[in-house]
């Protein structure tokens, strides 16, 4: 863990916020058995199938380990005709151990057992028969936070697939605490040593373009995808990468940044729909001025929404799973399950409106049903 341990400053704050907090008294109570951790059941009408794809870009060296070609692991979810097959694995025991050890090395409370994230219960079924349509389903690309397992966006992935989307969650190699490959290799976070976040954003933009090229021709998933309707959603640095990827690739029709700092100014305006959705600190004039600056360069449909009482991981699985373990964040009264629910709700509404042409009034402004959602610079 030597390479992964040297994450400092603002980057460490974003990467390690999830577990580096003081536990409540309830979390200190002795346990005879590990708690049961589970994703919420998807709310859409379709069962969810899943698969994984191992990709190698022979035209590109890995920016973190230049001696090798760029490799990626991609998890896919899709609407299925029936819930047949084994449950999708959340992470491997080794991926869980590497991530939780990284957290503990930076002052977080040790989580036991270290393999506990590999026990998270999911709802998607591996290899379930796909629901096919004449034109295919809209595609949504997901990009996780820096050092976080890609699985931390699984709840969103399952929710979108249950509502008729094909979802591709990219594991950006050497940018996660641990990434397991089919041949048994587990790579660690070399990028955590370098701490060059603009390079992370550029690398992920290149990764997304490569993944889009590959998925269209994939024999298992290509026929399920309508390549005329593509969205991208990213958390943390993955959110900054969504905007960069939209600038670089016109195939991406709509983008979402979930609580991510924009590490560099946009190289050109984004004239397609974009949603900035984050914690309270990302309100106008907050500690992260990059949101104010980026807002001015979004010239298409746009919304800026923050969740009152939320934190960096509230729209991902991790805040919810940490709550289930028994840890609560100081200063973050919004329960993890509610944060994940609201994240899923607003992201799904955004994609429905802009990839399917279905009006979603929830995006028009505050509602009584969702009082935590604050709209800024509403137009």
Protein backbone atom coordinates (compact mmCIF):
# COMPACT_ATOMS: atom_id res chain seq x y z
CA UNK A 1 0.00 0.00 0.00
CA UNK A 2 3.01 2.33 -0.15
CA UNK A 3 1.95 3.90 -3.44
CA UNK A 4 -1.66 4.35 -2.45
CA UNK A 5 -0.81 5.81 0.93
CA UNK A 6 0.66 9.07 -0.31
CA UNK A 7 -2.57 10.88 -1.11
CA UNK A 8 -2.57 14.33 0.45
CA UNK A 9 -4.25 17.71 0.50
CA UNK A 10 -7.48 18.41 -1.31
CA UNK A 11 -7.29 15.21 -3.31
CA UNK A 12 -7.09 13.11 -0.15
CA UNK A 13 -10.06 14.98 1.27
CA UNK A 14 -12.15 14.04 -1.73
CA UNK A 15 -10.90 10.49 -2.00
CA UNK A 16 -11.02 9.48 1.63
CA UNK A 17 -13.91 11.42 3.08
CA UNK A 18 -16.16 8.40 3.22
CA UNK A 19 -14.69 6.61 6.19
CA UNK A 20 -12.29 9.02 7.84
CA UNK A 21 -14.81 10.18 10.41
CA UNK A 22 -15.47 9.54 14.04
CA UNK A 23 -17.98 6.73 14.62
CA UNK A 24 -21.09 7.15 16.70
CA UNK A 25 -21.50 5.33 19.97
CA UNK A 26 -23.67 2.79 18.21
CA UNK A 27 -20.83 2.02 15.82
CA UNK A 28 -18.52 1.30 18.77
CA UNK A 29 -20.84 -1.34 20.18
CA UNK A 30 -19.26 -4.80 19.95
CA UNK A 31 -20.53 -7.10 17.21
CA UNK A 32 -20.62 -10.84 17.14
CA UNK A 33 -21.21 -10.85 13.37
CA UNK A 34 -20.53 -8.38 10.56
CA UNK A 35 -23.57 -6.30 9.57
CA UNK A 36 -25.51 -7.14 6.44
CA UNK A 37 -24.75 -4.59 3.72
CA UNK A 38 -27.10 -4.33 0.75
CA UNK A 39 -28.02 -2.06 -2.15
CA UNK A 40 -31.62 -0.87 -2.33
CA UNK A 41 -33.85 -2.73 -4.74
CA UNK A 42 -34.15 -0.97 -8.11
CA UNK A 43 -37.51 0.72 -8.57
CA UNK A 44 -37.91 0.33 -12.35
CA UNK A 45 -40.12 -2.28 -14.05
CA UNK A 46 -37.37 -4.44 -15.60
CA UNK A 47 -35.18 -7.07 -13.92
CA UNK A 48 -31.48 -6.26 -14.25
CA UNK A 49 -28.76 -8.31 -15.91
CA UNK A 50 -25.04 -7.71 -15.74
CA UNK A 51 -21.72 -8.60 -17.32
CA UNK A 52 -18.10 -7.48 -17.33
CA UNK A 53 -15.77 -6.58 -20.16
CA UNK A 54 -11.97 -6.52 -20.03
CA UNK A 55 -10.59 -4.04 -22.57
CA UNK A 56 -7.03 -3.36 -23.74
CA UNK A 57 -6.22 -0.26 -25.78
CA UNK A 58 -3.31 -1.37 -27.95
CA UNK A 59 -2.90 2.15 -29.32
CA UNK A 60 -2.22 3.79 -25.96
CA UNK A 61 0.31 3.42 -23.18
CA UNK A 62 -0.99 3.53 -19.64
CA UNK A 63 -0.30 7.08 -18.36
CA UNK A 64 0.54 5.80 -14.88
CA UNK A 65 2.56 2.72 -15.88
CA UNK A 66 3.95 3.57 -19.35
CA UNK A 67 5.56 0.16 -19.81
CA UNK A 68 2.14 -1.42 -20.39
CA UNK A 69 -0.87 -0.76 -22.59
CA UNK A 70 -3.95 0.86 -21.10
CA UNK A 71 -6.34 -1.74 -19.68
CA UNK A 72 -9.84 -1.22 -18.32
CA UNK A 73 -12.44 -3.28 -16.52
CA UNK A 74 -16.03 -2.32 -17.32
CA UNK A 75 -19.14 -3.48 -15.49
CA UNK A 76 -22.34 -3.40 -17.54
CA UNK A 77 -25.96 -3.48 -16.44
CA UNK A 78 -28.92 -3.81 -18.77
CA UNK A 79 -32.68 -4.45 -18.63
CA UNK A 80 -33.43 -8.18 -18.64
CA UNK A 81 -36.46 -10.28 -19.44
CA UNK A 82 -36.18 -12.30 -16.22
CA UNK A 83 -34.01 -12.28 -13.07
CA UNK A 84 -32.09 -15.44 -13.95
CA UNK A 85 -28.49 -16.11 -12.90
CA UNK A 86 -26.17 -15.58 -9.96
CA UNK A 87 -26.12 -12.22 -8.15
CA UNK A 88 -23.53 -9.75 -9.39
CA UNK A 89 -20.44 -9.54 -7.19
CA UNK A 90 -19.97 -6.07 -5.72
CA UNK A 91 -16.17 -6.19 -5.35
CA UNK A 92 -13.65 -8.97 -4.79
CA UNK A 93 -12.34 -9.54 -1.24
CA UNK A 94 -8.98 -8.14 -2.31
CA UNK A 95 -10.52 -4.98 -3.77
CA UNK A 96 -12.43 -4.48 -0.52
CA UNK A 97 -9.32 -5.00 1.59
CA UNK A 98 -7.18 -2.59 -0.43
CA UNK A 99 -9.78 0.17 -0.28
CA UNK A 100 -10.52 -0.16 3.44
CA UNK A 101 -6.83 -0.36 4.28
CA UNK A 102 -6.26 2.84 2.31
CA UNK A 103 -8.98 4.49 4.36
CA UNK A 104 -7.48 3.29 7.65
CA UNK A 105 -3.99 4.48 6.70
CA UNK A 106 -5.34 8.01 6.50
CA UNK A 107 -6.95 8.08 9.92
CA UNK A 108 -10.22 6.30 9.32
CA UNK A 109 -11.58 3.78 11.77
CA UNK A 110 -10.50 0.25 10.82
CA UNK A 111 -13.42 -1.65 9.30
CA UNK A 112 -13.64 -5.34 10.05
CA UNK A 113 -13.59 -7.67 8.37
CA UNK A 114 -11.56 -5.98 5.63
CA UNK A 115 -13.38 -8.06 3.02
CA UNK A 116 -16.81 -6.78 4.07
CA UNK A 117 -17.51 -4.82 0.88
CA UNK A 118 -17.31 -8.09 -1.04
CA UNK A 119 -20.42 -9.22 0.87
CA UNK A 120 -22.66 -6.36 -0.32
CA UNK A 121 -25.90 -7.78 -1.65
CA UNK A 122 -26.80 -6.73 -5.18
CA UNK A 123 -29.88 -7.28 -7.34
CA UNK A 124 -28.52 -7.66 -10.88
CA UNK A 125 -28.05 -11.20 -12.21
CA UNK A 126 -24.96 -12.20 -14.17
CA UNK A 127 -25.81 -13.11 -17.75
CA UNK A 128 -29.58 -12.69 -17.40
CA UNK A 129 -31.32 -12.72 -20.81
CA UNK A 130 -31.38 -9.19 -22.20
CA UNK A 131 -34.53 -7.28 -23.03
CA UNK A 132 -34.13 -6.31 -26.67
CA UNK A 133 -35.85 -3.48 -28.51
CA UNK A 134 -35.79 -2.58 -32.23
CA UNK A 135 -33.71 0.58 -31.69
CA UNK A 136 -31.71 -0.43 -28.63
CA UNK A 137 -31.52 1.26 -25.23
CA UNK A 138 -29.89 4.57 -24.31
CA UNK A 139 -26.34 4.12 -22.99
CA UNK A 140 -25.07 5.76 -19.79
CA UNK A 141 -21.34 5.74 -18.97
CA UNK A 142 -20.38 5.99 -15.30
CA UNK A 143 -17.00 7.08 -13.89
CA UNK A 144 -16.25 6.67 -10.15
CA UNK A 145 -14.42 8.84 -7.64
CA UNK A 146 -10.64 8.88 -7.33
CA UNK A 147 -9.29 5.81 -5.46
CA UNK A 148 -12.84 4.48 -4.96
CA UNK A 149 -13.89 1.08 -6.30
CA UNK A 150 -15.97 1.47 -9.44
CA UNK A 151 -18.64 -0.57 -7.66
CA UNK A 152 -19.57 2.45 -5.53
CA UNK A 153 -21.91 3.57 -8.34
CA UNK A 154 -23.62 0.16 -8.54
CA UNK A 155 -26.88 1.31 -6.96
CA UNK A 156 -27.25 3.97 -9.64
CA UNK A 157 -26.28 1.47 -12.32
CA UNK A 158 -28.90 -1.05 -11.24
CA UNK A 159 -31.58 1.66 -10.94
CA UNK A 160 -30.94 2.98 -14.45
CA UNK A 161 -30.89 -0.51 -15.97
CA UNK A 162 -34.22 -1.33 -14.32
CA UNK A 163 -35.61 1.71 -16.15
CA UNK A 164 -34.41 0.72 -19.59
CA UNK A 165 -30.82 1.97 -19.85
CA UNK A 166 -27.66 0.09 -20.67
CA UNK A 167 -25.04 1.26 -18.17
CA UNK A 168 -21.26 0.96 -18.53
CA UNK A 169 -19.27 1.60 -15.34
CA UNK A 170 -15.57 2.09 -16.10
CA UNK A 171 -12.81 0.87 -13.81
CA UNK A 172 -9.98 3.28 -14.63
CA UNK A 173 -6.86 1.19 -14.06
CA UNK A 174 -4.29 2.39 -11.48
CA UNK A 175 -6.75 5.07 -10.27
CA UNK A 176 -8.57 2.85 -7.77
CA UNK A 177 -7.22 1.37 -4.54
CA UNK A 178 -7.58 -2.00 -6.22
CA UNK A 179 -8.78 -3.31 -9.60
CA UNK A 180 -9.15 -7.06 -10.13
CA UNK A 181 -8.65 -8.56 -13.60
CA UNK A 182 -9.90 -11.90 -14.93
CA UNK A 183 -6.42 -13.45 -14.89
CA UNK A 184 -6.11 -12.89 -11.13
CA UNK A 185 -4.03 -9.70 -11.20
CA UNK A 186 -5.04 -6.91 -8.82
CA UNK A 187 -3.54 -3.52 -9.67
CA UNK A 188 -3.24 -0.69 -7.15
CA UNK A 189 -3.51 3.11 -7.23
CA UNK A 190 -0.35 4.36 -8.91
CA UNK A 191 -2.10 7.65 -9.71
CA UNK A 192 -2.50 8.22 -5.96
CA UNK A 193 1.26 8.66 -5.75
CA UNK A 194 1.42 11.10 -8.66
CA UNK A 195 -1.57 13.23 -7.61
CA UNK A 196 -1.96 14.89 -11.01
CA UNK A 197 -5.71 15.39 -11.14
CA UNK A 198 -5.83 17.24 -14.47
CA UNK A 199 -4.04 14.23 -15.98
CA UNK A 200 -6.62 11.95 -14.34
CA UNK A 201 -9.38 13.95 -16.04
CA UNK A 202 -7.67 13.81 -19.45
CA UNK A 203 -7.00 10.09 -19.07
CA UNK A 204 -10.59 9.37 -18.21
CA UNK A 205 -11.83 11.37 -21.16
CA UNK A 206 -9.64 9.18 -23.39
CA UNK A 207 -10.90 6.07 -21.58
CA UNK A 208 -14.51 7.02 -22.26
CA UNK A 209 -13.92 7.53 -25.97
CA UNK A 210 -12.20 4.15 -26.20
CA UNK A 211 -14.98 2.40 -24.27
CA UNK A 212 -17.66 3.90 -26.51
CA UNK A 213 -15.80 2.68 -29.59
CA UNK A 214 -15.44 -0.81 -28.15
CA UNK A 215 -18.96 -1.28 -26.80
CA UNK A 216 -20.64 -0.52 -30.10
CA UNK A 217 -18.87 -3.50 -31.64
CA UNK A 218 -19.09 -5.83 -28.63
CA UNK A 219 -20.87 -9.08 -29.60
CA UNK A 220 -22.69 -9.33 -26.26
CA UNK A 221 -23.77 -5.74 -25.71
CA UNK A 222 -23.44 -3.78 -28.95
CA UNK A 223 -26.89 -4.71 -30.25
CA UNK A 224 -28.48 -3.52 -26.99
CA UNK A 225 -27.16 0.03 -27.38
CA UNK A 226 -28.69 2.95 -29.22
CA UNK A 227 -25.52 4.92 -29.96
CA UNK A 228 -27.60 7.98 -30.87
CA UNK A 229 -28.51 8.43 -27.18
CA UNK A 230 -25.52 8.51 -24.83
CA UNK A 231 -25.11 10.13 -21.42
CA UNK A 232 -22.26 10.26 -18.91
CA UNK A 233 -22.42 10.51 -15.12
CA UNK A 234 -19.35 10.80 -12.91
CA UNK A 235 -18.67 11.13 -9.20
CA UNK A 236 -15.94 13.41 -7.85
CA UNK A 237 -13.10 13.46 -10.41
CA UNK A 238 -15.38 11.29 -12.54
CA UNK A 239 -17.79 14.23 -12.65
CA UNK A 240 -15.06 16.56 -13.87
CA UNK A 241 -14.22 13.90 -16.44
CA UNK A 242 -17.82 13.93 -17.67
CA UNK A 243 -17.51 17.56 -18.72
CA UNK A 244 -14.10 16.97 -20.31
CA UNK A 245 -15.40 13.94 -22.20
CA UNK A 246 -18.36 15.95 -23.52
CA UNK A 247 -16.01 18.60 -24.87
CA UNK A 248 -13.85 15.92 -26.54
CA UNK A 249 -16.58 13.60 -27.85
CA UNK A 250 -19.76 14.89 -29.48
CA UNK A 251 -21.42 11.49 -29.12
CA UNK A 252 -22.14 12.24 -25.45
CA UNK A 253 -25.50 14.00 -25.44
CA UNK A 254 -25.84 14.84 -21.73
CA UNK A 255 -23.59 14.88 -18.65
CA UNK A 256 -23.75 14.89 -14.85
CA UNK A 257 -21.15 15.88 -12.27
CA UNK A 258 -21.84 14.34 -8.85
CA UNK A 259 -19.96 16.55 -6.37
CA UNK A 260 -16.71 16.77 -8.32
CA UNK A 261 -14.26 19.66 -8.50
CA UNK A 262 -13.57 20.87 -12.04
CA UNK A 263 -9.77 20.72 -11.92
CA UNK A 264 -9.23 22.71 -15.12
CA UNK A 265 -11.35 25.27 -16.98
CA UNK A 266 -13.35 23.84 -19.86
CA UNK A 267 -11.50 24.16 -23.15
CA UNK A 268 -14.77 25.17 -24.81
CA UNK A 269 -18.37 25.77 -23.85
CA UNK A 270 -20.73 22.81 -23.39
CA UNK A 271 -23.90 23.44 -25.38
CA UNK A 272 -25.55 20.15 -24.47
CA UNK A 273 -27.50 19.44 -21.25
CA UNK A 274 -25.42 19.31 -18.06
CA UNK A 275 -26.37 18.77 -14.42
CA UNK A 276 -24.19 19.79 -11.46
CA UNK A 277 -25.48 17.86 -8.44
CA UNK A 278 -23.60 17.90 -5.14
CA UNK A 279 -23.24 18.49 -1.44
CA UNK A 280 -24.06 21.75 0.30
CA UNK A 281 -20.46 22.99 0.11
CA UNK A 282 -20.90 23.15 -3.66
CA UNK A 283 -23.44 25.94 -3.51
CA UNK A 284 -22.67 29.27 -5.20
CA UNK A 285 -19.77 31.08 -3.58
CA UNK A 286 -18.77 27.94 -1.68
CA UNK A 287 -15.33 26.52 -0.99
CA UNK A 288 -15.07 25.13 -4.52
CA UNK A 289 -15.07 28.08 -6.88
CA UNK A 290 -14.76 25.79 -9.89
CA UNK A 291 -18.53 25.26 -9.87
CA UNK A 292 -19.19 29.00 -10.19
CA UNK A 293 -16.63 29.28 -12.98
CA UNK A 294 -17.90 26.24 -14.90
CA UNK A 295 -21.54 27.32 -14.65
CA UNK A 296 -20.75 30.32 -16.82
CA UNK A 297 -19.44 28.01 -19.58
CA UNK A 298 -22.52 25.80 -19.73
CA UNK A 299 -24.57 27.32 -22.52
CA UNK A 300 -27.12 24.55 -23.04
CA UNK A 301 -29.86 23.30 -20.70
CA UNK A 302 -28.35 23.27 -17.22
CA UNK A 303 -29.19 22.82 -13.54
CA UNK A 304 -27.20 23.38 -10.35
CA UNK A 305 -28.65 21.39 -7.43
CA UNK A 306 -27.24 20.71 -3.97
CA UNK A 307 -28.60 18.43 -1.25
CA UNK A 308 -29.00 20.03 2.14
CA UNK A 309 -27.23 18.00 4.85
CA UNK A 310 -25.34 15.81 2.40
CA UNK A 311 -21.66 14.99 1.89
CA UNK A 312 -19.22 13.97 -0.81
CA UNK A 313 -20.46 10.41 -1.14
CA UNK A 314 -24.17 10.95 -0.56
CA UNK A 315 -25.23 10.22 -4.15
CA UNK A 316 -23.14 7.02 -4.24
CA UNK A 317 -23.43 3.67 -2.45
CA UNK A 318 -20.79 4.37 0.17
CA UNK A 319 -22.62 6.78 2.47
CA UNK A 320 -25.52 4.33 2.56
CA UNK A 321 -23.27 1.32 3.21
CA UNK A 322 -21.37 3.17 5.93
CA UNK A 323 -24.71 3.97 7.60
CA UNK A 324 -25.59 0.28 7.46
CA UNK A 325 -22.27 -0.52 9.12
CA UNK A 326 -23.12 1.88 11.94
CA UNK A 327 -21.02 4.98 11.20
CA UNK A 328 -22.57 8.42 10.76
CA UNK A 329 -20.81 11.52 9.50
CA UNK A 330 -20.50 14.55 11.77
CA UNK A 331 -22.31 17.48 10.19
CA UNK A 332 -24.09 15.31 7.61
CA UNK A 333 -27.60 14.68 8.95
CA UNK A 334 -28.92 13.35 5.64
CA UNK A 335 -29.13 9.55 5.95
CA UNK A 336 -27.09 7.66 3.38
CA UNK A 337 -30.11 5.83 2.00
CA UNK A 338 -31.94 9.12 1.43
CA UNK A 339 -28.92 10.63 -0.30
CA UNK A 340 -28.68 7.66 -2.66
CA UNK A 341 -32.42 7.79 -3.30
CA UNK A 342 -32.30 11.47 -4.21
CA UNK A 343 -29.21 11.02 -6.37
CA UNK A 344 -30.89 8.22 -8.29
CA UNK A 345 -34.11 10.22 -8.62
CA UNK A 346 -32.58 13.40 -10.04
CA UNK A 347 -30.04 11.68 -12.27
CA UNK A 348 -32.71 9.39 -13.72
CA UNK A 349 -35.04 12.34 -14.32
CA UNK A 350 -32.26 14.24 -16.07
CA UNK A 351 -31.45 11.32 -18.36
CA UNK A 352 -35.11 10.59 -19.06
CA UNK A 353 -35.65 14.18 -20.14
CA UNK A 354 -32.55 14.53 -22.30
CA UNK A 355 -32.02 11.04 -23.71
CA UNK A 356 -35.67 10.01 -24.02
CA UNK A 357 -37.44 13.33 -24.48
CA UNK A 358 -39.69 12.70 -21.47
CA UNK A 359 -40.51 15.86 -19.50
CA UNK A 360 -39.56 15.57 -15.82
CA UNK A 361 -41.05 18.45 -13.76
CA UNK A 362 -38.84 17.51 -10.81
CA UNK A 363 -36.06 19.33 -12.69
CA UNK A 364 -38.04 22.58 -12.90
CA UNK A 365 -37.43 23.67 -9.30
CA UNK A 366 -37.93 22.81 -5.61
CA UNK A 367 -40.68 20.37 -4.62
CA UNK A 368 -42.40 19.55 -1.34
CA UNK A 369 -41.52 15.88 -1.78
CA UNK A 370 -37.79 16.61 -2.01
CA UNK A 371 -37.11 19.53 0.37
CA UNK A 372 -33.41 18.65 0.61
CA UNK A 373 -32.82 19.59 -3.05
CA UNK A 374 -31.80 23.23 -3.42
CA UNK A 375 -31.80 24.85 -6.88
CA UNK A 376 -29.26 27.58 -7.65
CA UNK A 377 -29.09 30.04 -10.56
CA UNK A 378 -32.30 28.47 -11.83
CA UNK A 379 -33.14 29.49 -15.39
